[in-house]
Amino acid sequence: FLAACSLDLDAAVDCYGAFVVGEVPENFPMAVRPIVDL
């Protein structure tokens, strides 16, 4: 989803991608943020 919002692509498939929306749990091991704003 991030790539499709950042690059000029022709199709994208999101298979159960976490944290496109929704709050990231505390102490989650990876530095990610929701990107629905894209």
All heavy atoms as atom14 arrays in JSON, in Angstrom:
{
  "sequence": "FLAACSLDLDAAVDCYGAFVVGEVPENFPMAVRPIVDL",
  "atom14_mask": [
    [1, 1, 1, 1, 1, 1, 1, 1, 1, 1, 1, 0, 0, 0],
    [1, 1, 1, 1, 1, 1, 1, 1, 0, 0, 0, 0, 0, 0],
    [1, 1, 1, 1, 1, 0, 0, 0, 0, 0, 0, 0, 0, 0],
    [1, 1, 1, 1, 1, 0, 0, 0, 0, 0, 0, 0, 0, 0],
    [1, 1, 1, 1, 1, 1, 0, 0, 0, 0, 0, 0, 0, 0],
    [1, 1, 1, 1, 1, 1, 0, 0, 0, 0, 0, 0, 0, 0],
    [1, 1, 1, 1, 1, 1, 1, 1, 0, 0, 0, 0, 0, 0],
    [1, 1, 1, 1, 1, 1, 1, 1, 0, 0, 0, 0, 0, 0],
    [1, 1, 1, 1, 1, 1, 1, 1, 0, 0, 0, 0, 0, 0],
    [1, 1, 1, 1, 1, 1, 1, 1, 0, 0, 0, 0, 0, 0],
    [1, 1, 1, 1, 1, 0, 0, 0, 0, 0, 0, 0, 0, 0],
    [1, 1, 1, 1, 1, 0, 0, 0, 0, 0, 0, 0, 0, 0],
    [1, 1, 1, 1, 1, 1, 1, 0, 0, 0, 0, 0, 0, 0],
    [1, 1, 1, 1, 1, 1, 1, 1, 0, 0, 0, 0, 0, 0],
    [1, 1, 1, 1, 1, 1, 0, 0, 0, 0, 0, 0, 0, 0],
    [1, 1, 1, 1, 1, 1, 1, 1, 1, 1, 1, 1, 0, 0],
    [1, 1, 1, 1, 0, 0, 0, 0, 0, 0, 0, 0, 0, 0],
    [1, 1, 1, 1, 1, 0, 0, 0, 0, 0, 0, 0, 0, 0],
    [1, 1, 1, 1, 1, 1, 1, 1, 1, 1, 1, 0, 0, 0],
    [1, 1, 1, 1, 1, 1, 1, 0, 0, 0, 0, 0, 0, 0],
    [1, 1, 1, 1, 1, 1, 1, 0, 0, 0, 0, 0, 0, 0],
    [1, 1, 1, 1, 0, 0, 0, 0, 0, 0, 0, 0, 0, 0],
    [1, 1, 1, 1, 1, 1, 1, 1, 1, 0, 0, 0, 0, 0],
    [1, 1, 1, 1, 1, 1, 1, 0, 0, 0, 0, 0, 0, 0],
    [1, 1, 1, 1, 1, 1, 1, 0, 0, 0, 0, 0, 0, 0],
    [1, 1, 1, 1, 1, 1, 1, 1, 1, 0, 0, 0, 0, 0],
    [1, 1, 1, 1, 1, 1, 1, 1, 0, 0, 0, 0, 0, 0],
    [1, 1, 1, 1, 1, 1, 1, 1, 1, 1, 1, 0, 0, 0],
    [1, 1, 1, 1, 1, 1, 1, 0, 0, 0, 0, 0, 0, 0],
    [1, 1, 1, 1, 1, 1, 1, 1, 0, 0, 0, 0, 0, 0],
    [1, 1, 1, 1, 1, 0, 0, 0, 0, 0, 0, 0, 0, 0],
    [1, 1, 1, 1, 1, 1, 1, 0, 0, 0, 0, 0, 0, 0],
    [1, 1, 1, 1, 1, 1, 1, 1, 1, 1, 1, 0, 0, 0],
    [1, 1, 1, 1, 1, 1, 1, 0, 0, 0, 0, 0, 0, 0],
    [1, 1, 1, 1, 1, 1, 1, 1, 0, 0, 0, 0, 0, 0],
    [1, 1, 1, 1, 1, 1, 1, 0, 0, 0, 0, 0, 0, 0],
    [1, 1, 1, 1, 1, 1, 1, 1, 0, 0, 0, 0, 0, 0],
    [1, 1, 1, 1, 1, 1, 1, 1, 0, 0, 0, 0, 0, 0]
  ],
  "atom14_positions": [
    [[0.83, -1.2, 0.0], [0.0, 0.0, 0.0], [0.87, 1.25, 0.0], [0.62, 2.21, -0.75], [-0.93, -0.01, 1.21], [-1.85, 1.17, 1.3], [-3.02, 1.21, 0.57], [-1.53, 2.24, 2.11], [-3.88, 2.32, 0.65], [-2.36, 3.35, 2.2], [-3.54, 3.39, 1.47], [0.0, 0.0, 0.0], [0.0, 0.0, 0.0], [0.0, 0.0, 0.0]],
    [[1.91, 1.25, 0.84], [2.82, 2.39, 0.91], [3.47, 2.65, -0.45], [3.53, 3.81, -0.91], [3.9, 2.11, 1.96], [5.07, 3.1, 2.03], [4.58, 4.48, 2.47], [6.14, 2.58, 3.0], [0.0, 0.0, 0.0], [0.0, 0.0, 0.0], [0.0, 0.0, 0.0], [0.0, 0.0, 0.0], [0.0, 0.0, 0.0], [0.0, 0.0, 0.0]],
    [[3.95, 1.6, -1.1], [4.59, 1.76, -2.4], [3.6, 2.32, -3.42], [3.94, 3.18, -4.24], [5.16, 0.43, -2.88], [0.0, 0.0, 0.0], [0.0, 0.0, 0.0], [0.0, 0.0, 0.0], [0.0, 0.0, 0.0], [0.0, 0.0, 0.0], [0.0, 0.0, 0.0], [0.0, 0.0, 0.0], [0.0, 0.0, 0.0], [0.0, 0.0, 0.0]],
    [[2.37, 1.82, -3.38], [1.36, 2.26, -4.34], [0.94, 3.71, -4.11], [0.42, 4.36, -5.01], [0.14, 1.34, -4.28], [0.0, 0.0, 0.0], [0.0, 0.0, 0.0], [0.0, 0.0, 0.0], [0.0, 0.0, 0.0], [0.0, 0.0, 0.0], [0.0, 0.0, 0.0], [0.0, 0.0, 0.0], [0.0, 0.0, 0.0], [0.0, 0.0, 0.0]],
    [[1.15, 4.21, -2.9], [0.86, 5.61, -2.59], [2.07, 6.51, -2.82], [1.95, 7.74, -2.74], [0.4, 5.75, -1.14], [-1.2, 5.01, -0.78], [0.0, 0.0, 0.0], [0.0, 0.0, 0.0], [0.0, 0.0, 0.0], [0.0, 0.0, 0.0], [0.0, 0.0, 0.0], [0.0, 0.0, 0.0], [0.0, 0.0, 0.0], [0.0, 0.0, 0.0]],
    [[3.22, 5.92, -3.11], [4.46, 6.68, -3.23], [5.06, 6.62, -4.63], [5.89, 7.47, -4.98], [5.5, 6.15, -2.24], [5.0, 6.12, -0.92], [0.0, 0.0, 0.0], [0.0, 0.0, 0.0], [0.0, 0.0, 0.0], [0.0, 0.0, 0.0], [0.0, 0.0, 0.0], [0.0, 0.0, 0.0], [0.0, 0.0, 0.0], [0.0, 0.0, 0.0]],
    [[4.68, 5.61, -5.42], [5.23, 5.4, -6.75], [4.11, 5.31, -7.77], [2.95, 5.08, -7.41], [6.04, 4.09, -6.78], [7.19, 3.97, -5.78], [7.73, 2.54, -5.78], [8.3, 4.96, -6.11], [0.0, 0.0, 0.0], [0.0, 0.0, 0.0], [0.0, 0.0, 0.0], [0.0, 0.0, 0.0], [0.0, 0.0, 0.0], [0.0, 0.0, 0.0]],
    [[4.46, 5.47, -9.03], [3.48, 5.35, -10.11], [3.41, 3.89, -10.53], [4.23, 3.41, -11.3], [3.9, 6.23, -11.29], [2.87, 6.26, -12.39], [1.72, 5.83, -12.14], [3.19, 6.71, -13.5], [0.0, 0.0, 0.0], [0.0, 0.0, 0.0], [0.0, 0.0, 0.0], [0.0, 0.0, 0.0], [0.0, 0.0, 0.0], [0.0, 0.0, 0.0]],
    [[2.42, 3.16, -9.99], [2.25, 1.73, -10.26], [0.94, 1.5, -11.01], [0.11, 2.4, -11.13], [2.27, 0.94, -8.95], [3.56, 1.04, -8.12], [3.38, 0.3, -6.8], [4.74, 0.48, -8.89], [0.0, 0.0, 0.0], [0.0, 0.0, 0.0], [0.0, 0.0, 0.0], [0.0, 0.0, 0.0], [0.0, 0.0, 0.0], [0.0, 0.0, 0.0]],
    [[0.78, 0.27, -11.49], [-0.41, -0.07, -12.27], [-1.4, -0.94, -11.51], [-2.57, -1.03, -11.9], [0.01, -0.8, -13.55], [0.86, 0.11, -14.44], [0.3, 1.04, -15.04], [2.08, -0.11, -14.52], [0.0, 0.0, 0.0], [0.0, 0.0, 0.0], [0.0, 0.0, 0.0], [0.0, 0.0, 0.0], [0.0, 0.0, 0.0], [0.0, 0.0, 0.0]],
    [[-0.96, -1.59, -10.43], [-1.84, -2.43, -9.61], [-1.13, -2.72, -8.3], [0.1, -2.73, -8.25], [-2.19, -3.73, -10.32], [0.0, 0.0, 0.0], [0.0, 0.0, 0.0], [0.0, 0.0, 0.0], [0.0, 0.0, 0.0], [0.0, 0.0, 0.0], [0.0, 0.0, 0.0], [0.0, 0.0, 0.0], [0.0, 0.0, 0.0], [0.0, 0.0, 0.0]],
    [[-1.9, -2.97, -7.25], [-1.31, -3.34, -5.96], [-2.23, -4.33, -5.27], [-3.45, -4.28, -5.44], [-1.1, -2.11, -5.08], [0.0, 0.0, 0.0], [0.0, 0.0, 0.0], [0.0, 0.0, 0.0], [0.0, 0.0, 0.0], [0.0, 0.0, 0.0], [0.0, 0.0, 0.0], [0.0, 0.0, 0.0], [0.0, 0.0, 0.0], [0.0, 0.0, 0.0]],
    [[-1.61, -5.22, -4.49], [-2.36, -6.19, -3.69], [-1.85, -6.11, -2.26], [-0.63, -6.2, -2.01], [-2.2, -7.62, -4.22], [-3.03, -8.59, -3.37], [-2.62, -7.72, -5.69], [0.0, 0.0, 0.0], [0.0, 0.0, 0.0], [0.0, 0.0, 0.0], [0.0, 0.0, 0.0], [0.0, 0.0, 0.0], [0.0, 0.0, 0.0], [0.0, 0.0, 0.0]],
    [[-2.77, -5.95, -1.33], [-2.47, -5.92, 0.1], [-3.07, -7.17, 0.73], [-4.29, -7.29, 0.83], [-3.08, -4.65, 0.72], [-3.07, -4.65, 2.25], [-2.51, -5.58, 2.87], [-3.66, -3.7, 2.83], [0.0, 0.0, 0.0], [0.0, 0.0, 0.0], [0.0, 0.0, 0.0], [0.0, 0.0, 0.0], [0.0, 0.0, 0.0], [0.0, 0.0, 0.0]],
    [[-2.2, -8.11, 1.13], [-2.64, -9.31, 1.82], [-2.45, -9.11, 3.32], [-1.33, -9.14, 3.81], [-1.85, -10.53, 1.34], [-2.07, -10.89, -0.42], [0.0, 0.0, 0.0], [0.0, 0.0, 0.0], [0.0, 0.0, 0.0], [0.0, 0.0, 0.0], [0.0, 0.0, 0.0], [0.0, 0.0, 0.0], [0.0, 0.0, 0.0], [0.0, 0.0, 0.0]],
    [[-3.55, -8.83, 4.0], [-3.61, -8.63, 5.45], [-2.48, -7.77, 6.0], [-1.8, -8.11, 6.97], [-3.7, -9.97, 6.2], [-2.88, -11.13, 5.66], [-1.52, -11.26, 5.93], [-3.5, -12.12, 4.89], [-0.79, -12.34, 5.45], [-2.77, -13.19, 4.39], [-1.42, -13.3, 4.67], [-0.7, -14.36, 4.19], [0.0, 0.0, 0.0], [0.0, 0.0, 0.0]],
    [[-2.33, -6.58, 5.39], [-1.29, -5.66, 5.85], [-1.68, -4.97, 7.15], [-2.7, -4.29, 7.23], [0.0, 0.0, 0.0], [0.0, 0.0, 0.0], [0.0, 0.0, 0.0], [0.0, 0.0, 0.0], [0.0, 0.0, 0.0], [0.0, 0.0, 0.0], [0.0, 0.0, 0.0], [0.0, 0.0, 0.0], [0.0, 0.0, 0.0], [0.0, 0.0, 0.0]],
    [[-0.85, -5.14, 8.17], [-1.11, -4.52, 9.47], [-0.64, -3.07, 9.5], [0.35, -2.72, 8.87], [-0.39, -5.31, 10.57], [0.0, 0.0, 0.0], [0.0, 0.0, 0.0], [0.0, 0.0, 0.0], [0.0, 0.0, 0.0], [0.0, 0.0, 0.0], [0.0, 0.0, 0.0], [0.0, 0.0, 0.0], [0.0, 0.0, 0.0], [0.0, 0.0, 0.0]],
    [[-1.39, -2.24, 10.21], [-1.02, -0.87, 10.53], [-1.05, 0.07, 9.32], [-0.37, 1.09, 9.32], [0.33, -0.8, 11.25], [0.4, -1.7, 12.45], [1.41, -2.63, 12.57], [-0.59, -1.66, 13.43], [1.47, -3.48, 13.66], [-0.55, -2.5, 14.52], [0.48, -3.43, 14.64], [0.0, 0.0, 0.0], [0.0, 0.0, 0.0], [0.0, 0.0, 0.0]],
    [[-1.83, -0.28, 8.3], [-2.21, 0.75, 7.34], [-3.13, 1.72, 8.08], [-3.03, 2.95, 7.93], [-2.92, 0.14, 6.12], [-3.44, 1.24, 5.19], [-1.97, -0.79, 5.37], [0.0, 0.0, 0.0], [0.0, 0.0, 0.0], [0.0, 0.0, 0.0], [0.0, 0.0, 0.0], [0.0, 0.0, 0.0], [0.0, 0.0, 0.0], [0.0, 0.0, 0.0]],
    [[-4.01, 1.16, 8.9], [-4.82, 1.94, 9.84], [-4.66, 1.31, 11.21], [-4.15, 0.2, 11.34], [-6.32, 1.96, 9.43], [-6.5, 2.58, 8.06], [-6.9, 0.57, 9.46], [0.0, 0.0, 0.0], [0.0, 0.0, 0.0], [0.0, 0.0, 0.0], [0.0, 0.0, 0.0], [0.0, 0.0, 0.0], [0.0, 0.0, 0.0], [0.0, 0.0, 0.0]],
    [[-5.1, 2.0, 12.23], [-5.07, 1.44, 13.58], [-3.81, 1.86, 14.35], [-2.75, 2.09, 13.76], [0.0, 0.0, 0.0], [0.0, 0.0, 0.0], [0.0, 0.0, 0.0], [0.0, 0.0, 0.0], [0.0, 0.0, 0.0], [0.0, 0.0, 0.0], [0.0, 0.0, 0.0], [0.0, 0.0, 0.0], [0.0, 0.0, 0.0], [0.0, 0.0, 0.0]],
    [[-3.95, 1.96, 15.64], [-2.83, 2.35, 16.49], [-1.86, 1.2, 16.66], [-2.26, 0.04, 16.81], [-3.34, 2.83, 17.85], [-4.15, 4.12, 17.8], [-3.37, 5.26, 17.18], [-2.18, 5.42, 17.54], [-3.92, 5.98, 16.33], [0.0, 0.0, 0.0], [0.0, 0.0, 0.0], [0.0, 0.0, 0.0], [0.0, 0.0, 0.0], [0.0, 0.0, 0.0]],
    [[-0.59, 1.52, 16.68], [0.45, 0.52, 16.9], [0.56, 0.26, 18.41], [0.62, 1.2, 19.21], [1.8, 1.02, 16.35], [2.89, -0.02, 16.58], [1.68, 1.34, 14.87], [0.0, 0.0, 0.0], [0.0, 0.0, 0.0], [0.0, 0.0, 0.0], [0.0, 0.0, 0.0], [0.0, 0.0, 0.0], [0.0, 0.0, 0.0], [0.0, 0.0, 0.0]],
    [[0.55, -1.01, 18.86], [0.62, -1.3, 20.29], [1.9, -0.75, 20.94], [2.94, -0.63, 20.28], [0.6, -2.83, 20.34], [0.04, -3.26, 19.04], [0.45, -2.23, 18.04], [0.0, 0.0, 0.0], [0.0, 0.0, 0.0], [0.0, 0.0, 0.0], [0.0, 0.0, 0.0], [0.0, 0.0, 0.0], [0.0, 0.0, 0.0], [0.0, 0.0, 0.0]],
    [[1.8, -0.42, 22.21], [2.99, 0.0, 22.94], [4.03, -1.13, 22.94], [3.68, -2.31, 22.98], [2.63, 0.36, 24.39], [1.88, 1.67, 24.52], [1.73, 2.07, 25.98], [2.66, 1.81, 26.76], [0.68, 2.64, 26.31], [0.0, 0.0, 0.0], [0.0, 0.0, 0.0], [0.0, 0.0, 0.0], [0.0, 0.0, 0.0], [0.0, 0.0, 0.0]],
    [[5.28, -0.74, 22.9], [6.41, -1.68, 22.92], [6.46, -2.57, 21.67], [7.1, -3.62, 21.69], [6.37, -2.56, 24.17], [6.4, -1.75, 25.45], [7.15, -0.78, 25.55], [5.57, -2.12, 26.42], [0.0, 0.0, 0.0], [0.0, 0.0, 0.0], [0.0, 0.0, 0.0], [0.0, 0.0, 0.0], [0.0, 0.0, 0.0], [0.0, 0.0, 0.0]],
    [[5.77, -2.16, 20.61], [5.86, -2.91, 19.36], [7.3, -2.82, 18.85], [7.91, -1.74, 18.9], [4.89, -2.33, 18.33], [4.73, -3.18, 17.11], [4.06, -4.39, 17.16], [5.23, -2.77, 15.88], [3.9, -5.18, 16.04], [5.08, -3.55, 14.74], [4.42, -4.76, 14.82], [0.0, 0.0, 0.0], [0.0, 0.0, 0.0], [0.0, 0.0, 0.0]],
    [[7.88, -3.94, 18.4], [9.32, -3.95, 18.1], [9.74, -3.18, 16.86], [10.94, -2.97, 16.66], [9.62, -5.45, 17.92], [8.32, -6.06, 17.52], [7.28, -5.28, 18.26], [0.0, 0.0, 0.0], [0.0, 0.0, 0.0], [0.0, 0.0, 0.0], [0.0, 0.0, 0.0], [0.0, 0.0, 0.0], [0.0, 0.0, 0.0], [0.0, 0.0, 0.0]],
    [[8.79, -2.74, 16.04], [9.17, -2.03, 14.81], [8.6, -0.62, 14.81], [7.51, -0.37, 15.32], [8.68, -2.8, 13.59], [9.39, -4.13, 13.4], [8.86, -5.01, 11.92], [7.2, -5.49, 12.39], [0.0, 0.0, 0.0], [0.0, 0.0, 0.0], [0.0, 0.0, 0.0], [0.0, 0.0, 0.0], [0.0, 0.0, 0.0], [0.0, 0.0, 0.0]],
    [[9.38, 0.29, 14.25], [8.99, 1.7, 14.22], [8.1, 1.97, 13.01], [8.56, 2.43, 11.96], [10.24, 2.57, 14.16], [0.0, 0.0, 0.0], [0.0, 0.0, 0.0], [0.0, 0.0, 0.0], [0.0, 0.0, 0.0], [0.0, 0.0, 0.0], [0.0, 0.0, 0.0], [0.0, 0.0, 0.0], [0.0, 0.0, 0.0], [0.0, 0.0, 0.0]],
    [[6.82, 1.63, 13.14], [5.86, 1.86, 12.06], [4.78, 2.8, 12.55], [4.57, 2.98, 13.75], [5.23, 0.54, 11.58], [6.27, -0.38, 10.98], [4.48, -0.17, 12.72], [0.0, 0.0, 0.0], [0.0, 0.0, 0.0], [0.0, 0.0, 0.0], [0.0, 0.0, 0.0], [0.0, 0.0, 0.0], [0.0, 0.0, 0.0], [0.0, 0.0, 0.0]],
    [[4.09, 3.39, 11.6], [2.95, 4.26, 11.91], [1.84, 3.98, 10.92], [2.09, 3.47, 9.82], [3.37, 5.73, 11.83], [3.64, 6.21, 10.4], [3.75, 7.73, 10.33], [3.87, 8.2, 8.95], [2.85, 8.48, 8.15], [1.6, 8.3, 8.59], [3.04, 8.92, 6.92], [0.0, 0.0, 0.0], [0.0, 0.0, 0.0], [0.0, 0.0, 0.0]],
    [[0.59, 4.31, 11.27], [-0.49, 4.17, 10.31], [-0.25, 5.08, 9.1], [0.3, 6.18, 9.24], [-1.73, 4.6, 11.09], [-1.35, 4.48, 12.53], [0.12, 4.76, 12.59], [0.0, 0.0, 0.0], [0.0, 0.0, 0.0], [0.0, 0.0, 0.0], [0.0, 0.0, 0.0], [0.0, 0.0, 0.0], [0.0, 0.0, 0.0], [0.0, 0.0, 0.0]],
    [[-0.65, 4.62, 7.92], [-0.41, 5.39, 6.7], [-1.68, 5.63, 5.9], [-1.63, 5.94, 4.71], [0.66, 4.7, 5.82], [0.3, 3.24, 5.54], [2.04, 4.82, 6.47], [1.25, 2.55, 4.57], [0.0, 0.0, 0.0], [0.0, 0.0, 0.0], [0.0, 0.0, 0.0], [0.0, 0.0, 0.0], [0.0, 0.0, 0.0], [0.0, 0.0, 0.0]],
    [[-2.83, 5.5, 6.54], [-4.09, 5.72, 5.84], [-4.17, 7.14, 5.3], [-4.88, 7.4, 4.31], [-5.29, 5.39, 6.75], [-5.39, 6.39, 7.91], [-6.58, 5.32, 5.94], [0.0, 0.0, 0.0], [0.0, 0.0, 0.0], [0.0, 0.0, 0.0], [0.0, 0.0, 0.0], [0.0, 0.0, 0.0], [0.0, 0.0, 0.0], [0.0, 0.0, 0.0]],
    [[-3.43, 8.07, 5.9], [-3.43, 9.45, 5.43], [-2.84, 9.59, 4.02], [-3.02, 10.62, 3.38], [-2.65, 10.34, 6.4], [-1.2, 9.92, 6.57], [-0.97, 8.77, 6.99], [-0.29, 10.73, 6.27], [0.0, 0.0, 0.0], [0.0, 0.0, 0.0], [0.0, 0.0, 0.0], [0.0, 0.0, 0.0], [0.0, 0.0, 0.0], [0.0, 0.0, 0.0]],
    [[-2.15, 8.55, 3.55], [-1.58, 8.58, 2.2], [-2.59, 8.17, 1.13], [-2.28, 8.25, -0.06], [-0.38, 7.64, 2.12], [0.8, 7.94, 3.05], [1.9, 6.89, 2.84], [1.34, 9.34, 2.8], [0.0, 0.0, 0.0], [0.0, 0.0, 0.0], [0.0, 0.0, 0.0], [0.0, 0.0, 0.0], [0.0, 0.0, 0.0], [0.0, 0.0, 0.0]]
  ]
}
